[in-house]
């Protein structure tokens, strides 16, 4: 192989490696695009927000960061099961959150981490639930804004490399902001 071919191969490897390192951003963008194309509404945004908050709480409660990733399908299954038996998703995820807090206390999880995640759930989740009481446009805009505001929480955890894996925080950033912007644009145009 010539020196020029080796240089091209090395450049391609660096490029593909750089792209591969950004897989969480790609996952977040693909998820946001899927939700935006399927027809987002304020309920979907609030469920997405509550699932994300539950992921953070679960990781803090059991003191295992990778549990946050596992919580996504578990929380989604809870929402789906609730729909089959006629229980609102907010009640299913709220109940799961109470269980996680109790588990965290029993496992002697960091009180600071558990309290911070619980307060974030109440604050962000509370604003999200308020969005459900508003009309479709106002509620959709508020749900979008709170979802985008949650990206600040993601950035804090990404920078500190705390509670959840950086990959999850990055995925959430690239899910929350584009989806929130897309929904606002769709609602206001």
C-alpha atoms as a PDB file:
ATOM      1  CA  UNK A   1       0.000   0.000   0.000  1.00  0.00           C
ATOM      2  CA  UNK A   2       1.390   3.394  -0.951  1.00  0.00           C
ATOM      3  CA  UNK A   3       1.958   6.232   1.482  1.00  0.00           C
ATOM      4  CA  UNK A   4      -0.879   8.153  -0.142  1.00  0.00           C
ATOM      5  CA  UNK A   5      -3.270   5.204   0.269  1.00  0.00           C
ATOM      6  CA  UNK A   6      -2.272   4.855   3.911  1.00  0.00           C
ATOM      7  CA  UNK A   7      -2.967   8.556   4.456  1.00  0.00           C
ATOM      8  CA  UNK A   8      -6.424   8.229   2.887  1.00  0.00           C
ATOM      9  CA  UNK A   9      -7.165   5.113   4.946  1.00  0.00           C
ATOM     10  CA  UNK A  10      -6.022   6.823   8.148  1.00  0.00           C
ATOM     11  CA  UNK A  11      -8.158   9.884   7.348  1.00  0.00           C
ATOM     12  CA  UNK A  12     -11.196   7.681   6.735  1.00  0.00           C
ATOM     13  CA  UNK A  13     -10.587   5.831   9.996  1.00  0.00           C
ATOM     14  CA  UNK A  14     -10.348   9.111  11.938  1.00  0.00           C
ATOM     15  CA  UNK A  15     -13.559  10.364  10.302  1.00  0.00           C
ATOM     16  CA  UNK A  16     -15.504   7.163  10.943  1.00  0.00           C
ATOM     17  CA  UNK A  17     -14.175   7.034  14.490  1.00  0.00           C
ATOM     18  CA  UNK A  18     -15.298  10.615  15.114  1.00  0.00           C
ATOM     19  CA  UNK A  19     -18.754   9.801  13.738  1.00  0.00           C
ATOM     20  CA  UNK A  20     -18.967   6.631  15.824  1.00  0.00           C
ATOM     21  CA  UNK A  21     -18.191   8.604  18.983  1.00  0.00           C
ATOM     22  CA  UNK A  22     -21.290  10.720  18.287  1.00  0.00           C
ATOM     23  CA  UNK A  23     -23.710   7.780  18.219  1.00  0.00           C
ATOM     24  CA  UNK A  24     -25.702   9.149  21.191  1.00  0.00           C
ATOM     25  CA  UNK A  25     -26.410  12.359  19.257  1.00  0.00           C
ATOM     26  CA  UNK A  26     -27.542  10.300  16.264  1.00  0.00           C
ATOM     27  CA  UNK A  27     -29.849   8.204  18.454  1.00  0.00           C
ATOM     28  CA  UNK A  28     -31.357  11.349  19.995  1.00  0.00           C
ATOM     29  CA  UNK A  29     -31.863  13.033  16.620  1.00  0.00           C
ATOM     30  CA  UNK A  30     -33.418   9.906  15.105  1.00  0.00           C
ATOM     31  CA  UNK A  31     -35.769   9.578  18.072  1.00  0.00           C
ATOM     32  CA  UNK A  32     -36.772  13.228  17.851  1.00  0.00           C
ATOM     33  CA  UNK A  33     -37.332  12.943  14.097  1.00  0.00           C
ATOM     34  CA  UNK A  34     -39.462   9.825  14.576  1.00  0.00           C
ATOM     35  CA  UNK A  35     -41.673  11.471  17.199  1.00  0.00           C
ATOM     36  CA  UNK A  36     -41.959  14.666  15.132  1.00  0.00           C
ATOM     37  CA  UNK A  37     -42.955  12.717  12.021  1.00  0.00           C
ATOM     38  CA  UNK A  38     -45.439  10.447  13.779  1.00  0.00           C
ATOM     39  CA  UNK A  39     -47.361  13.478  14.963  1.00  0.00           C
ATOM     40  CA  UNK A  40     -46.236  14.813  18.301  1.00  0.00           C
ATOM     41  CA  UNK A  41     -48.695  16.164  20.803  1.00  0.00           C
ATOM     42  CA  UNK A  42     -48.321  17.549  24.296  1.00  0.00           C
ATOM     43  CA  UNK A  43     -49.069  14.148  25.874  1.00  0.00           C
ATOM     44  CA  UNK A  44     -46.252  12.483  23.943  1.00  0.00           C
ATOM     45  CA  UNK A  45     -43.847  15.258  24.941  1.00  0.00           C
ATOM     46  CA  UNK A  46     -44.786  14.986  28.617  1.00  0.00           C
ATOM     47  CA  UNK A  47     -44.461  11.185  28.537  1.00  0.00           C
ATOM     48  CA  UNK A  48     -41.022  11.557  26.915  1.00  0.00           C
ATOM     49  CA  UNK A  49     -40.031  14.042  29.600  1.00  0.00           C
ATOM     50  CA  UNK A  50     -41.264  11.831  32.439  1.00  0.00           C
ATOM     51  CA  UNK A  51     -39.490   8.772  31.015  1.00  0.00           C
ATOM     52  CA  UNK A  52     -36.245  10.762  30.887  1.00  0.00           C
ATOM     53  CA  UNK A  53     -36.705  11.980  34.447  1.00  0.00           C
ATOM     54  CA  UNK A  54     -37.468   8.445  35.607  1.00  0.00           C
ATOM     55  CA  UNK A  55     -34.202   7.261  34.003  1.00  0.00           C
ATOM     56  CA  UNK A  56     -32.220   9.762  36.038  1.00  0.00           C
ATOM     57  CA  UNK A  57     -34.093   8.865  39.225  1.00  0.00           C
ATOM     58  CA  UNK A  58     -33.581   5.125  38.679  1.00  0.00           C
ATOM     59  CA  UNK A  59     -29.839   5.531  38.199  1.00  0.00           C
ATOM     60  CA  UNK A  60     -29.586   7.648  41.347  1.00  0.00           C
ATOM     61  CA  UNK A  61     -31.757   5.248  43.363  1.00  0.00           C
ATOM     62  CA  UNK A  62     -29.810   2.081  42.604  1.00  0.00           C
ATOM     63  CA  UNK A  63     -26.425   3.813  42.342  1.00  0.00           C
ATOM     64  CA  UNK A  64     -25.716   2.252  38.934  1.00  0.00           C
ATOM     65  CA  UNK A  65     -25.404   4.702  36.065  1.00  0.00           C
ATOM     66  CA  UNK A  66     -26.134   2.266  33.239  1.00  0.00           C
ATOM     67  CA  UNK A  67     -29.525   1.496  34.793  1.00  0.00           C
ATOM     68  CA  UNK A  68     -30.675   4.745  33.182  1.00  0.00           C
ATOM     69  CA  UNK A  69     -30.496   3.121  29.736  1.00  0.00           C
ATOM     70  CA  UNK A  70     -32.420   0.056  30.935  1.00  0.00           C
ATOM     71  CA  UNK A  71     -35.104   2.296  32.395  1.00  0.00           C
ATOM     72  CA  UNK A  72     -36.161   3.577  28.955  1.00  0.00           C
ATOM     73  CA  UNK A  73     -37.778   0.314  27.795  1.00  0.00           C
ATOM     74  CA  UNK A  74     -39.037  -0.458  31.303  1.00  0.00           C
ATOM     75  CA  UNK A  75     -40.739   2.932  31.663  1.00  0.00           C
ATOM     76  CA  UNK A  76     -42.102   2.640  28.132  1.00  0.00           C
ATOM     77  CA  UNK A  77     -43.523  -0.793  28.992  1.00  0.00           C
ATOM     78  CA  UNK A  78     -45.160   0.676  32.098  1.00  0.00           C
ATOM     79  CA  UNK A  79     -46.791   3.399  30.001  1.00  0.00           C
ATOM     80  CA  UNK A  80     -48.013   0.807  27.491  1.00  0.00           C
ATOM     81  CA  UNK A  81     -49.303  -1.522  30.214  1.00  0.00           C
ATOM     82  CA  UNK A  82     -51.093   1.400  31.819  1.00  0.00           C
ATOM     83  CA  UNK A  83     -52.780   2.215  28.515  1.00  0.00           C
ATOM     84  CA  UNK A  84     -54.058  -1.367  28.260  1.00  0.00           C
ATOM     85  CA  UNK A  85     -55.566  -1.311  31.741  1.00  0.00           C
ATOM     86  CA  UNK A  86     -56.777   2.284  31.632  1.00  0.00           C
ATOM     87  CA  UNK A  87     -54.223   3.978  33.905  1.00  0.00           C
ATOM     88  CA  UNK A  88     -52.804   7.314  32.816  1.00  0.00           C
ATOM     89  CA  UNK A  89     -49.075   7.312  32.008  1.00  0.00           C
ATOM     90  CA  UNK A  90     -48.440  10.031  34.617  1.00  0.00           C
ATOM     91  CA  UNK A  91     -49.829   7.757  37.318  1.00  0.00           C
ATOM     92  CA  UNK A  92     -47.803   4.776  36.129  1.00  0.00           C
ATOM     93  CA  UNK A  93     -44.560   6.757  35.988  1.00  0.00           C
ATOM     94  CA  UNK A  94     -45.402   8.634  39.183  1.00  0.00           C
ATOM     95  CA  UNK A  95     -45.972   5.345  40.995  1.00  0.00           C
ATOM     96  CA  UNK A  96     -42.736   3.931  39.612  1.00  0.00           C
ATOM     97  CA  UNK A  97     -40.935   7.062  40.798  1.00  0.00           C
ATOM     98  CA  UNK A  98     -42.253   6.668  44.338  1.00  0.00           C
ATOM     99  CA  UNK A  99     -41.070   3.039  44.297  1.00  0.00           C
ATOM    100  CA  UNK A 100     -37.648   4.190  43.054  1.00  0.00           C
ATOM    101  CA  UNK A 101     -37.363   6.738  45.859  1.00  0.00           C
ATOM    102  CA  UNK A 102     -38.202   4.064  48.436  1.00  0.00           C
ATOM    103  CA  UNK A 103     -35.680   1.697  46.835  1.00  0.00           C
ATOM    104  CA  UNK A 104     -33.057   4.453  46.863  1.00  0.00           C
ATOM    105  CA  UNK A 105     -33.654   5.099  50.551  1.00  0.00           C
ATOM    106  CA  UNK A 106     -33.493   1.370  51.313  1.00  0.00           C
ATOM    107  CA  UNK A 107     -30.243   1.004  49.366  1.00  0.00           C
ATOM    108  CA  UNK A 108     -28.816   4.065  51.091  1.00  0.00           C
ATOM    109  CA  UNK A 109     -28.296   5.889  47.808  1.00  0.00           C
ATOM    110  CA  UNK A 110     -26.689   9.288  47.958  1.00  0.00           C
ATOM    111  CA  UNK A 111     -29.275  11.540  49.590  1.00  0.00           C
ATOM    112  CA  UNK A 112     -28.022  14.461  47.533  1.00  0.00           C
ATOM    113  CA  UNK A 113     -28.389  12.623  44.211  1.00  0.00           C
ATOM    114  CA  UNK A 114     -31.747  11.115  45.165  1.00  0.00           C
ATOM    115  CA  UNK A 115     -33.098  14.468  46.364  1.00  0.00           C
ATOM    116  CA  UNK A 116     -31.836  16.299  43.260  1.00  0.00           C
ATOM    117  CA  UNK A 117     -33.416  13.775  40.896  1.00  0.00           C
ATOM    118  CA  UNK A 118     -36.659  13.738  42.897  1.00  0.00           C
ATOM    119  CA  UNK A 119     -36.867  17.531  42.851  1.00  0.00           C
ATOM    120  CA  UNK A 120     -36.128  17.594  39.122  1.00  0.00           C
ATOM    121  CA  UNK A 121     -38.921  15.093  38.587  1.00  0.00           C
ATOM    122  CA  UNK A 122     -41.347  17.218  40.580  1.00  0.00           C
ATOM    123  CA  UNK A 123     -40.271  20.513  38.967  1.00  0.00           C
ATOM    124  CA  UNK A 124     -39.970  19.499  35.307  1.00  0.00           C
ATOM    125  CA  UNK A 125     -42.734  16.914  35.588  1.00  0.00           C
ATOM    126  CA  UNK A 126     -45.017  19.373  37.362  1.00  0.00           C
ATOM    127  CA  UNK A 127     -44.657  21.945  34.605  1.00  0.00           C
ATOM    128  CA  UNK A 128     -45.231  19.180  32.071  1.00  0.00           C
ATOM    129  CA  UNK A 129     -48.451  18.169  33.806  1.00  0.00           C
ATOM    130  CA  UNK A 130     -49.588  21.803  33.836  1.00  0.00           C
ATOM    131  CA  UNK A 131     -49.114  21.770  30.043  1.00  0.00           C
ATOM    132  CA  UNK A 132     -51.702  18.995  29.860  1.00  0.00           C
ATOM    133  CA  UNK A 133     -54.320  21.250  31.448  1.00  0.00           C
ATOM    134  CA  UNK A 134     -53.916  23.927  28.772  1.00  0.00           C
ATOM    135  CA  UNK A 135     -55.314  24.042  25.266  1.00  0.00           C
ATOM    136  CA  UNK A 136     -53.559  22.074  22.525  1.00  0.00           C
ATOM    137  CA  UNK A 137     -51.413  24.950  21.228  1.00  0.00           C
ATOM    138  CA  UNK A 138     -50.528  26.585  24.565  1.00  0.00           C
ATOM    139  CA  UNK A 139     -50.048  23.172  26.183  1.00  0.00           C
ATOM    140  CA  UNK A 140     -47.932  21.955  23.289  1.00  0.00           C
ATOM    141  CA  UNK A 141     -45.716  25.030  23.438  1.00  0.00           C
ATOM    142  CA  UNK A 142     -45.303  24.724  27.224  1.00  0.00           C
ATOM    143  CA  UNK A 143     -44.566  20.989  26.968  1.00  0.00           C
ATOM    144  CA  UNK A 144     -41.992  21.760  24.258  1.00  0.00           C
ATOM    145  CA  UNK A 145     -40.365  24.462  26.372  1.00  0.00           C
ATOM    146  CA  UNK A 146     -40.114  22.246  29.444  1.00  0.00           C
ATOM    147  CA  UNK A 147     -38.684  19.428  27.319  1.00  0.00           C
ATOM    148  CA  UNK A 148     -36.062  21.833  25.956  1.00  0.00           C
ATOM    149  CA  UNK A 149     -35.390  23.130  29.482  1.00  0.00           C
ATOM    150  CA  UNK A 150     -34.718  19.543  30.541  1.00  0.00           C
ATOM    151  CA  UNK A 151     -31.756  19.654  28.157  1.00  0.00           C
ATOM    152  CA  UNK A 152     -30.110  21.994  30.676  1.00  0.00           C
ATOM    153  CA  UNK A 153     -30.366  19.175  33.229  1.00  0.00           C
ATOM    154  CA  UNK A 154     -28.835  16.841  30.646  1.00  0.00           C
ATOM    155  CA  UNK A 155     -25.949  19.235  29.987  1.00  0.00           C
ATOM    156  CA  UNK A 156     -25.218  19.544  33.714  1.00  0.00           C
ATOM    157  CA  UNK A 157     -25.038  15.771  34.064  1.00  0.00           C
ATOM    158  CA  UNK A 158     -23.037  15.395  30.864  1.00  0.00           C
ATOM    159  CA  UNK A 159     -20.443  17.948  31.977  1.00  0.00           C
ATOM    160  CA  UNK A 160     -20.207  16.518  35.496  1.00  0.00           C
ATOM    161  CA  UNK A 161     -20.264  12.951  34.179  1.00  0.00           C
ATOM    162  CA  UNK A 162     -22.608  12.165  37.056  1.00  0.00           C
ATOM    163  CA  UNK A 163     -25.663  10.018  37.835  1.00  0.00           C
ATOM    164  CA  UNK A 164     -26.256   8.740  34.275  1.00  0.00           C
ATOM    165  CA  UNK A 165     -23.829   7.726  31.533  1.00  0.00           C
ATOM    166  CA  UNK A 166     -22.678  10.585  29.352  1.00  0.00           C
ATOM    167  CA  UNK A 167     -24.113   8.745  26.374  1.00  0.00           C
ATOM    168  CA  UNK A 168     -27.618   8.948  27.859  1.00  0.00           C
ATOM    169  CA  UNK A 169     -27.278  12.630  28.722  1.00  0.00           C
ATOM    170  CA  UNK A 170     -26.046  13.363  25.188  1.00  0.00           C
ATOM    171  CA  UNK A 171     -28.885  11.358  23.654  1.00  0.00           C
ATOM    172  CA  UNK A 172     -31.392  13.301  25.758  1.00  0.00           C
ATOM    173  CA  UNK A 173     -29.931  16.649  24.699  1.00  0.00           C
ATOM    174  CA  UNK A 174     -30.237  15.720  21.030  1.00  0.00           C
ATOM    175  CA  UNK A 175     -33.756  14.409  21.594  1.00  0.00           C
ATOM    176  CA  UNK A 176     -35.163  17.162  23.809  1.00  0.00           C
ATOM    177  CA  UNK A 177     -34.055  20.284  21.953  1.00  0.00           C
ATOM    178  CA  UNK A 178     -34.777  19.296  18.333  1.00  0.00           C
ATOM    179  CA  UNK A 179     -38.125  17.739  19.256  1.00  0.00           C
ATOM    180  CA  UNK A 180     -39.140  20.767  21.318  1.00  0.00           C
ATOM    181  CA  UNK A 181     -38.218  23.141  18.496  1.00  0.00           C
ATOM    182  CA  UNK A 182     -39.949  20.971  15.886  1.00  0.00           C
ATOM    183  CA  UNK A 183     -43.179  20.835  17.857  1.00  0.00           C
ATOM    184  CA  UNK A 184     -43.222  24.591  18.437  1.00  0.00           C
ATOM    185  CA  UNK A 185     -42.643  25.180  14.722  1.00  0.00           C
ATOM    186  CA  UNK A 186     -45.397  22.708  13.817  1.00  0.00           C
ATOM    187  CA  UNK A 187     -47.823  24.262  16.281  1.00  0.00           C
ATOM    188  CA  UNK A 188     -47.193  27.855  15.283  1.00  0.00           C
ATOM    189  CA  UNK A 189     -47.112  27.457  11.498  1.00  0.00           C
END
